[in-house]
Every structure is written in C-alpha cells, then in structure tokens.
Amino acid sequence: MSNYFGKAVNPATGEYENAEFLDDHFGRHRYGVRFADGKVWRWWEVFFRERKVGKEWEAREAKKREMKGGKDV
C-alpha cells in the first residue's frame, strides 16, 4: 500500500476537501486521512461518517476494542 491524494469529507467541516491518505499511519494498513488544517483522522471517521453502515461498523469495532481491553483492533 502507499500514500495518495484524493477528496474526502472532512468531519470537522462536513465538506469535500483535498486530503492525503496515509498508509500505516495508525498501524499496519490502517490509513490516516490528513486535511489541509493538518488534523489526521482515522479512515473510518472520514468515509463512514455520513452513512448508516458507519455507525454499525463503529459499534462492531467498539465491541472488539472492549473485548481487547480498550486497545485498537
């Protein structure tokens, strides 16, 4: 995998913006998404923020973290 540039919805503004997608930023193949303001978001905070599937995914991930003692899965 590698870093690349694209457009995504910035969760802070709710608007599509240019972003840099950072491979391995949060661990092996866990992308970070950096916007012009310098803030780096976890990929699921960016891509799934406006979709119902995102909340379901977040709930599953929270349950996994809970089972692993609060650590990222």
C-alpha atoms as a PDB file:
ATOM      1  CA  MET A   1       0.000   0.000   0.000  1.00  0.00           C
ATOM      2  CA  SER A   2       1.074   3.610  -0.272  1.00  0.00           C
ATOM      3  CA  ASN A   3       0.109   7.184   0.435  1.00  0.00           C
ATOM      4  CA  TYR A   4      -2.011   9.042  -2.099  1.00  0.00           C
ATOM      5  CA  PHE A   5      -4.071  12.203  -2.548  1.00  0.00           C
ATOM      6  CA  GLY A   6      -7.806  12.426  -3.127  1.00  0.00           C
ATOM      7  CA  LYS A   7     -11.005  14.091  -1.941  1.00  0.00           C
ATOM      8  CA  ALA A   8     -12.952  13.194   1.171  1.00  0.00           C
ATOM      9  CA  VAL A   9     -15.479  14.729   3.515  1.00  0.00           C
ATOM     10  CA  ASN A  10     -13.657  16.471   6.354  1.00  0.00           C
ATOM     11  CA  PRO A  11     -15.557  15.521   9.537  1.00  0.00           C
ATOM     12  CA  ALA A  12     -14.715  18.924  11.052  1.00  0.00           C
ATOM     13  CA  THR A  13     -16.369  20.887   8.225  1.00  0.00           C
ATOM     14  CA  GLY A  14     -18.723  18.390   6.557  1.00  0.00           C
ATOM     15  CA  GLU A  15     -17.346  19.494   3.184  1.00  0.00           C
ATOM     16  CA  TYR A  16     -15.444  17.632   0.476  1.00  0.00           C
ATOM     17  CA  GLU A  17     -11.809  18.704   0.611  1.00  0.00           C
ATOM     18  CA  ASN A  18      -8.454  17.633  -0.766  1.00  0.00           C
ATOM     19  CA  ALA A  19      -6.846  15.090   1.537  1.00  0.00           C
ATOM     20  CA  GLU A  20      -3.755  12.952   1.844  1.00  0.00           C
ATOM     21  CA  PHE A  21      -4.379   9.287   2.628  1.00  0.00           C
ATOM     22  CA  LEU A  22      -1.548   7.973   4.818  1.00  0.00           C
ATOM     23  CA  ASP A  23      -0.946   4.219   4.756  1.00  0.00           C
ATOM     24  CA  ASP A  24       0.099   2.628   8.055  1.00  0.00           C
ATOM     25  CA  HIS A  25      -0.459   5.876   9.988  1.00  0.00           C
ATOM     26  CA  PHE A  26      -2.449   4.065  12.703  1.00  0.00           C
ATOM     27  CA  GLY A  27      -0.834   0.642  12.296  1.00  0.00           C
ATOM     28  CA  ARG A  28      -0.424  -1.893   9.523  1.00  0.00           C
ATOM     29  CA  HIS A  29      -2.672  -0.857   6.598  1.00  0.00           C
ATOM     30  CA  ARG A  30      -4.691   1.463   8.823  1.00  0.00           C
ATOM     31  CA  TYR A  31      -4.987   4.674   6.906  1.00  0.00           C
ATOM     32  CA  GLY A  32      -4.973   8.139   8.348  1.00  0.00           C
ATOM     33  CA  VAL A  33      -6.559  10.939   6.341  1.00  0.00           C
ATOM     34  CA  ARG A  34      -4.898  14.352   6.638  1.00  0.00           C
ATOM     35  CA  PHE A  35      -6.654  17.540   5.563  1.00  0.00           C
ATOM     36  CA  ALA A  36      -5.168  20.988   4.911  1.00  0.00           C
ATOM     37  CA  ASP A  37      -5.659  22.013   8.548  1.00  0.00           C
ATOM     38  CA  GLY A  38      -3.149  19.288   9.499  1.00  0.00           C
ATOM     39  CA  LYS A  39      -5.595  17.172  11.516  1.00  0.00           C
ATOM     40  CA  VAL A  40      -5.313  13.442  10.825  1.00  0.00           C
ATOM     41  CA  TRP A  41      -8.495  11.363  11.105  1.00  0.00           C
ATOM     42  CA  ARG A  42      -8.800   7.592  11.142  1.00  0.00           C
ATOM     43  CA  TRP A  43     -10.137   6.408   7.788  1.00  0.00           C
ATOM     44  CA  TRP A  44     -13.473   5.258   9.185  1.00  0.00           C
ATOM     45  CA  GLU A  45     -14.120   8.667  10.730  1.00  0.00           C
ATOM     46  CA  VAL A  46     -13.921  10.153   7.236  1.00  0.00           C
ATOM     47  CA  PHE A  47     -15.522   7.619   4.911  1.00  0.00           C
ATOM     48  CA  PHE A  48     -18.382   6.331   7.022  1.00  0.00           C
ATOM     49  CA  ARG A  49     -19.357   9.438   8.939  1.00  0.00           C
ATOM     50  CA  GLU A  50     -22.488  10.113   6.848  1.00  0.00           C
ATOM     51  CA  ARG A  51     -23.538   6.515   6.195  1.00  0.00           C
ATOM     52  CA  LYS A  52     -25.648   4.233   8.362  1.00  0.00           C
ATOM     53  CA  VAL A  53     -23.205   1.398   7.794  1.00  0.00           C
ATOM     54  CA  GLY A  54     -20.579   3.529   9.524  1.00  0.00           C
ATOM     55  CA  LYS A  55     -22.414   3.542  12.828  1.00  0.00           C
ATOM     56  CA  GLU A  56     -22.873  -0.233  12.618  1.00  0.00           C
ATOM     57  CA  TRP A  57     -19.185  -0.638  11.819  1.00  0.00           C
ATOM     58  CA  GLU A  58     -18.193   1.683  14.668  1.00  0.00           C
ATOM     59  CA  ALA A  59     -20.337  -0.352  17.094  1.00  0.00           C
ATOM     60  CA  ARG A  60     -18.638  -3.592  15.988  1.00  0.00           C
ATOM     61  CA  GLU A  61     -15.195  -2.006  16.358  1.00  0.00           C
ATOM     62  CA  ALA A  62     -16.081  -0.632  19.807  1.00  0.00           C
ATOM     63  CA  LYS A  63     -17.159  -4.103  20.894  1.00  0.00           C
ATOM     64  CA  LYS A  64     -13.877  -5.568  19.593  1.00  0.00           C
ATOM     65  CA  ARG A  65     -11.898  -2.895  21.481  1.00  0.00           C
ATOM     66  CA  GLU A  66     -13.867  -3.627  24.632  1.00  0.00           C
ATOM     67  CA  MET A  67     -13.056  -7.324  24.319  1.00  0.00           C
ATOM     68  CA  LYS A  68      -9.349  -6.466  23.902  1.00  0.00           C
ATOM     69  CA  GLY A  69      -9.232  -4.217  26.947  1.00  0.00           C
ATOM     70  CA  GLY A  70      -9.752  -0.902  25.150  1.00  0.00           C
ATOM     71  CA  LYS A  71      -6.886  -1.314  22.663  1.00  0.00           C
ATOM     72  CA  ASP A  72      -7.284  -0.574  18.956  1.00  0.00           C
ATOM     73  CA  VAL A  73      -8.189  -3.652  16.954  1.00  0.00           C
END
